[in-house]
């Protein structure tokens, strides 16, 4: 369902990873990240829209495979074209998620 909101040639960037483009590359990037965690949930705190851009700010809680959790602040920037996300950038420092 996730890719149904994404334009076929969209650009996606998660944290400090290099951007990827297109459904296949986005699916691989997202699947790779999700394999490193057990679950996540978002607490959306603020959304601002300006023309074709939407910015969302909040806190994401990750559940690690060992059952421990960590909450981290995030900010997502979306550019919308024709009702689909054409650019999707996730700004977050995930370093604490993988800290020992």
N, C-alpha and C. Protein backbone atom coordinates (compact mmCIF):
# COMPACT_ATOMS: atom_id res chain seq x y z
N UNK A 1 0.79 -1.20 0.00
CA UNK A 1 0.00 0.00 0.00
C UNK A 1 0.84 1.27 0.00
N UNK A 2 1.99 1.23 0.62
CA UNK A 2 2.86 2.40 0.74
C UNK A 2 3.18 3.00 -0.63
N UNK A 3 3.53 2.17 -1.58
CA UNK A 3 3.93 2.67 -2.90
C UNK A 3 2.75 3.24 -3.69
N UNK A 4 1.53 2.95 -3.27
CA UNK A 4 0.36 3.52 -3.93
C UNK A 4 0.26 5.02 -3.77
N UNK A 5 0.97 5.58 -2.79
CA UNK A 5 0.97 7.02 -2.55
C UNK A 5 2.17 7.71 -3.22
N UNK A 6 3.05 6.91 -3.81
CA UNK A 6 4.32 7.40 -4.34
C UNK A 6 4.29 7.36 -5.87
N UNK A 7 4.71 8.45 -6.50
CA UNK A 7 4.82 8.48 -7.96
C UNK A 7 5.84 7.44 -8.42
N UNK A 8 5.61 6.82 -9.57
CA UNK A 8 6.52 5.76 -10.04
C UNK A 8 7.98 6.19 -10.17
N UNK A 9 8.24 7.45 -10.44
CA UNK A 9 9.62 7.92 -10.60
C UNK A 9 10.05 8.81 -9.43
N UNK A 10 9.40 8.69 -8.30
CA UNK A 10 9.68 9.53 -7.14
C UNK A 10 11.10 9.35 -6.63
N UNK A 11 11.55 10.38 -5.92
CA UNK A 11 12.83 10.32 -5.22
C UNK A 11 12.54 10.14 -3.73
N UNK A 12 13.30 9.25 -3.07
CA UNK A 12 13.11 8.95 -1.65
C UNK A 12 14.46 9.01 -0.96
N UNK A 13 14.49 9.69 0.17
CA UNK A 13 15.72 9.72 0.96
C UNK A 13 15.38 9.52 2.42
N UNK A 14 16.04 8.56 3.06
CA UNK A 14 15.85 8.28 4.48
C UNK A 14 17.12 8.63 5.22
N UNK A 15 17.01 9.60 6.13
CA UNK A 15 18.14 10.01 6.98
C UNK A 15 19.34 10.38 6.12
N UNK A 16 20.51 9.86 6.44
CA UNK A 16 21.71 10.22 5.70
C UNK A 16 22.03 9.26 4.56
N UNK A 17 21.11 8.33 4.28
CA UNK A 17 21.32 7.42 3.16
C UNK A 17 21.22 8.19 1.85
N UNK A 18 21.90 7.72 0.83
CA UNK A 18 21.77 8.40 -0.46
C UNK A 18 20.33 8.30 -0.98
N UNK A 19 19.88 9.29 -1.73
CA UNK A 19 18.53 9.20 -2.29
C UNK A 19 18.43 8.07 -3.31
N UNK A 20 17.24 7.49 -3.39
CA UNK A 20 16.96 6.47 -4.41
C UNK A 20 15.76 6.96 -5.22
N UNK A 21 15.61 6.40 -6.41
CA UNK A 21 14.53 6.85 -7.28
C UNK A 21 13.80 5.66 -7.89
N UNK A 22 12.48 5.77 -7.92
CA UNK A 22 11.64 4.76 -8.54
C UNK A 22 11.14 3.73 -7.54
N UNK A 23 10.01 3.12 -7.89
CA UNK A 23 9.36 2.18 -6.98
C UNK A 23 10.25 1.03 -6.53
N UNK A 24 10.98 0.42 -7.46
CA UNK A 24 11.81 -0.73 -7.09
C UNK A 24 12.88 -0.34 -6.08
N UNK A 25 13.55 0.76 -6.32
CA UNK A 25 14.61 1.20 -5.40
C UNK A 25 14.04 1.65 -4.06
N UNK A 26 12.89 2.32 -4.09
CA UNK A 26 12.25 2.75 -2.84
C UNK A 26 11.82 1.53 -2.04
N UNK A 27 11.21 0.55 -2.69
CA UNK A 27 10.79 -0.67 -2.00
C UNK A 27 11.99 -1.36 -1.36
N UNK A 28 13.10 -1.45 -2.09
CA UNK A 28 14.29 -2.10 -1.54
C UNK A 28 14.83 -1.34 -0.33
N UNK A 29 14.86 -0.01 -0.41
CA UNK A 29 15.36 0.79 0.71
C UNK A 29 14.46 0.64 1.94
N UNK A 30 13.17 0.73 1.74
CA UNK A 30 12.23 0.62 2.86
C UNK A 30 12.25 -0.79 3.44
N UNK A 31 12.25 -1.80 2.59
CA UNK A 31 12.31 -3.19 3.08
C UNK A 31 13.59 -3.43 3.87
N UNK A 32 14.71 -2.89 3.39
CA UNK A 32 15.98 -3.05 4.10
C UNK A 32 15.92 -2.44 5.49
N UNK A 33 15.34 -1.24 5.59
CA UNK A 33 15.23 -0.61 6.90
C UNK A 33 14.29 -1.41 7.80
N UNK A 34 13.13 -1.79 7.29
CA UNK A 34 12.17 -2.51 8.12
C UNK A 34 12.69 -3.86 8.59
N UNK A 35 13.64 -4.44 7.87
CA UNK A 35 14.22 -5.70 8.35
C UNK A 35 15.10 -5.49 9.58
N UNK A 36 15.51 -4.23 9.83
CA UNK A 36 16.39 -3.94 10.96
C UNK A 36 15.61 -3.60 12.24
N UNK A 37 14.28 -3.51 12.15
CA UNK A 37 13.46 -3.21 13.32
C UNK A 37 12.30 -4.19 13.39
N UNK A 38 11.66 -4.23 14.55
CA UNK A 38 10.50 -5.10 14.73
C UNK A 38 9.20 -4.37 14.43
N UNK A 39 9.12 -3.08 14.80
CA UNK A 39 7.90 -2.29 14.59
C UNK A 39 8.22 -0.82 14.75
N UNK A 40 7.25 0.02 14.38
CA UNK A 40 7.36 1.45 14.62
C UNK A 40 5.97 2.05 14.72
N UNK A 41 5.91 3.21 15.39
CA UNK A 41 4.67 3.98 15.44
C UNK A 41 5.04 5.45 15.44
N UNK A 42 4.15 6.26 14.87
CA UNK A 42 4.40 7.69 14.75
C UNK A 42 3.44 8.48 15.62
N UNK A 43 3.96 9.54 16.22
CA UNK A 43 3.14 10.54 16.91
C UNK A 43 3.34 11.84 16.13
N UNK A 44 2.39 12.15 15.29
CA UNK A 44 2.48 13.34 14.45
C UNK A 44 2.13 14.56 15.28
N UNK A 45 3.04 15.52 15.35
CA UNK A 45 2.87 16.70 16.19
C UNK A 45 2.44 17.93 15.40
N UNK A 46 2.89 18.04 14.14
CA UNK A 46 2.59 19.24 13.37
C UNK A 46 2.71 18.94 11.89
N UNK A 47 1.81 19.51 11.11
CA UNK A 47 1.85 19.41 9.66
C UNK A 47 1.66 20.81 9.08
N UNK A 48 2.50 21.16 8.12
CA UNK A 48 2.41 22.45 7.46
C UNK A 48 2.40 22.20 5.96
N UNK A 49 1.44 22.80 5.27
CA UNK A 49 1.35 22.66 3.82
C UNK A 49 1.55 24.02 3.17
N UNK A 50 2.28 24.02 2.07
CA UNK A 50 2.51 25.25 1.31
C UNK A 50 2.58 24.87 -0.16
N UNK A 51 1.53 25.15 -0.89
CA UNK A 51 1.50 24.78 -2.30
C UNK A 51 1.58 23.28 -2.47
N UNK A 52 2.61 22.83 -3.18
CA UNK A 52 2.78 21.39 -3.43
C UNK A 52 3.71 20.72 -2.43
N UNK A 53 4.03 21.40 -1.32
CA UNK A 53 4.92 20.84 -0.30
C UNK A 53 4.18 20.66 1.02
N UNK A 54 4.48 19.55 1.69
CA UNK A 54 3.92 19.25 3.01
C UNK A 54 5.08 18.86 3.92
N UNK A 55 5.11 19.43 5.11
CA UNK A 55 6.14 19.11 6.10
C UNK A 55 5.45 18.57 7.33
N UNK A 56 5.92 17.42 7.81
CA UNK A 56 5.36 16.78 9.00
C UNK A 56 6.47 16.64 10.04
N UNK A 57 6.13 16.99 11.27
CA UNK A 57 7.07 16.90 12.38
C UNK A 57 6.46 16.02 13.46
N UNK A 58 7.28 15.21 14.09
CA UNK A 58 6.75 14.37 15.15
C UNK A 58 7.81 13.54 15.82
N UNK A 59 7.34 12.47 16.43
CA UNK A 59 8.22 11.53 17.13
C UNK A 59 7.86 10.12 16.66
N UNK A 60 8.87 9.36 16.33
CA UNK A 60 8.66 7.98 15.92
C UNK A 60 9.24 7.08 17.01
N UNK A 61 8.48 6.07 17.38
CA UNK A 61 8.95 5.09 18.35
C UNK A 61 9.25 3.80 17.61
N UNK A 62 10.51 3.38 17.70
CA UNK A 62 10.96 2.15 17.07
C UNK A 62 11.02 1.05 18.11
N UNK A 63 10.60 -0.13 17.72
CA UNK A 63 10.78 -1.32 18.55
C UNK A 63 11.85 -2.16 17.88
N UNK A 64 12.90 -2.41 18.65
CA UNK A 64 14.01 -3.23 18.14
C UNK A 64 13.62 -4.71 18.21
N UNK A 65 14.42 -5.55 17.56
CA UNK A 65 14.16 -6.99 17.58
C UNK A 65 14.27 -7.58 18.99
N UNK A 66 15.01 -6.93 19.88
CA UNK A 66 15.11 -7.44 21.25
C UNK A 66 13.94 -6.98 22.13
N UNK A 67 12.99 -6.21 21.55
CA UNK A 67 11.82 -5.75 22.29
C UNK A 67 11.99 -4.38 22.91
N UNK A 68 13.20 -3.86 22.96
CA UNK A 68 13.40 -2.52 23.52
C UNK A 68 12.88 -1.47 22.54
N UNK A 69 12.57 -0.29 23.07
CA UNK A 69 12.04 0.78 22.23
C UNK A 69 12.86 2.04 22.40
N UNK A 70 12.77 2.90 21.41
CA UNK A 70 13.40 4.21 21.47
C UNK A 70 12.53 5.17 20.67
N UNK A 71 12.33 6.37 21.21
CA UNK A 71 11.56 7.42 20.53
C UNK A 71 12.51 8.49 20.03
N UNK A 72 12.36 8.86 18.77
CA UNK A 72 13.24 9.84 18.14
C UNK A 72 12.42 10.89 17.39
N UNK A 73 12.89 12.15 17.40
CA UNK A 73 12.19 13.18 16.63
C UNK A 73 12.48 13.01 15.13
N UNK A 74 11.49 13.38 14.32
CA UNK A 74 11.66 13.31 12.87
C UNK A 74 10.98 14.51 12.22
N UNK A 75 11.36 14.74 10.98
CA UNK A 75 10.69 15.71 10.14
C UNK A 75 10.69 15.14 8.73
N UNK A 76 9.52 15.06 8.12
CA UNK A 76 9.38 14.56 6.75
C UNK A 76 8.97 15.71 5.84
N UNK A 77 9.54 15.72 4.65
CA UNK A 77 9.18 16.71 3.65
C UNK A 77 8.69 15.95 2.42
N UNK A 78 7.49 16.32 1.99
CA UNK A 78 6.88 15.69 0.82
C UNK A 78 6.65 16.76 -0.25
N UNK A 79 6.94 16.44 -1.49
CA UNK A 79 6.52 17.25 -2.62
C UNK A 79 5.49 16.44 -3.38
N UNK A 80 4.36 17.07 -3.67
CA UNK A 80 3.22 16.39 -4.26
C UNK A 80 3.07 16.83 -5.72
N UNK A 81 2.83 15.87 -6.60
CA UNK A 81 2.60 16.17 -8.00
C UNK A 81 1.51 15.24 -8.51
N UNK A 82 0.41 15.80 -8.94
CA UNK A 82 -0.68 14.99 -9.45
C UNK A 82 -1.30 14.09 -8.41
N UNK A 83 -1.28 14.52 -7.15
CA UNK A 83 -1.87 13.74 -6.07
C UNK A 83 -0.97 12.65 -5.52
N UNK A 84 0.24 12.51 -6.06
CA UNK A 84 1.19 11.51 -5.57
C UNK A 84 2.45 12.19 -5.05
N UNK A 85 3.14 11.51 -4.16
CA UNK A 85 4.39 12.03 -3.62
C UNK A 85 5.48 11.86 -4.68
N UNK A 86 6.08 12.98 -5.08
CA UNK A 86 7.15 12.91 -6.08
C UNK A 86 8.54 13.00 -5.43
N UNK A 87 8.60 13.62 -4.27
CA UNK A 87 9.84 13.69 -3.49
C UNK A 87 9.47 13.43 -2.04
N UNK A 88 10.19 12.51 -1.39
CA UNK A 88 9.90 12.10 -0.01
C UNK A 88 11.23 12.08 0.73
N UNK A 89 11.40 13.03 1.65
CA UNK A 89 12.64 13.12 2.43
C UNK A 89 12.31 12.94 3.90
N UNK A 90 13.03 12.05 4.55
CA UNK A 90 12.87 11.81 5.98
C UNK A 90 14.13 12.30 6.68
N UNK A 91 13.97 13.31 7.53
CA UNK A 91 15.09 13.87 8.29
C UNK A 91 15.02 13.32 9.71
N UNK A 92 15.99 12.50 10.04
CA UNK A 92 16.06 11.87 11.36
C UNK A 92 17.49 11.39 11.60
N UNK A 93 17.89 11.40 12.84
CA UNK A 93 19.17 10.81 13.23
C UNK A 93 18.87 9.45 13.83
N UNK A 94 19.14 8.39 13.08
CA UNK A 94 18.84 7.03 13.57
C UNK A 94 20.01 6.41 14.33
N UNK A 95 21.08 7.17 14.53
CA UNK A 95 22.24 6.63 15.24
C UNK A 95 21.85 6.00 16.57
N UNK A 96 21.01 6.65 17.40
CA UNK A 96 20.64 6.04 18.69
C UNK A 96 19.88 4.71 18.53
N UNK A 97 19.19 4.54 17.43
CA UNK A 97 18.45 3.28 17.21
C UNK A 97 19.38 2.08 17.18
N UNK A 98 20.57 2.28 16.63
CA UNK A 98 21.52 1.17 16.46
C UNK A 98 22.64 1.17 17.50
N UNK A 99 22.58 2.10 18.46
CA UNK A 99 23.61 2.15 19.50
C UNK A 99 23.53 0.90 20.38
N UNK A 100 24.67 0.45 20.84
CA UNK A 100 24.72 -0.77 21.67
C UNK A 100 24.07 -0.55 23.02
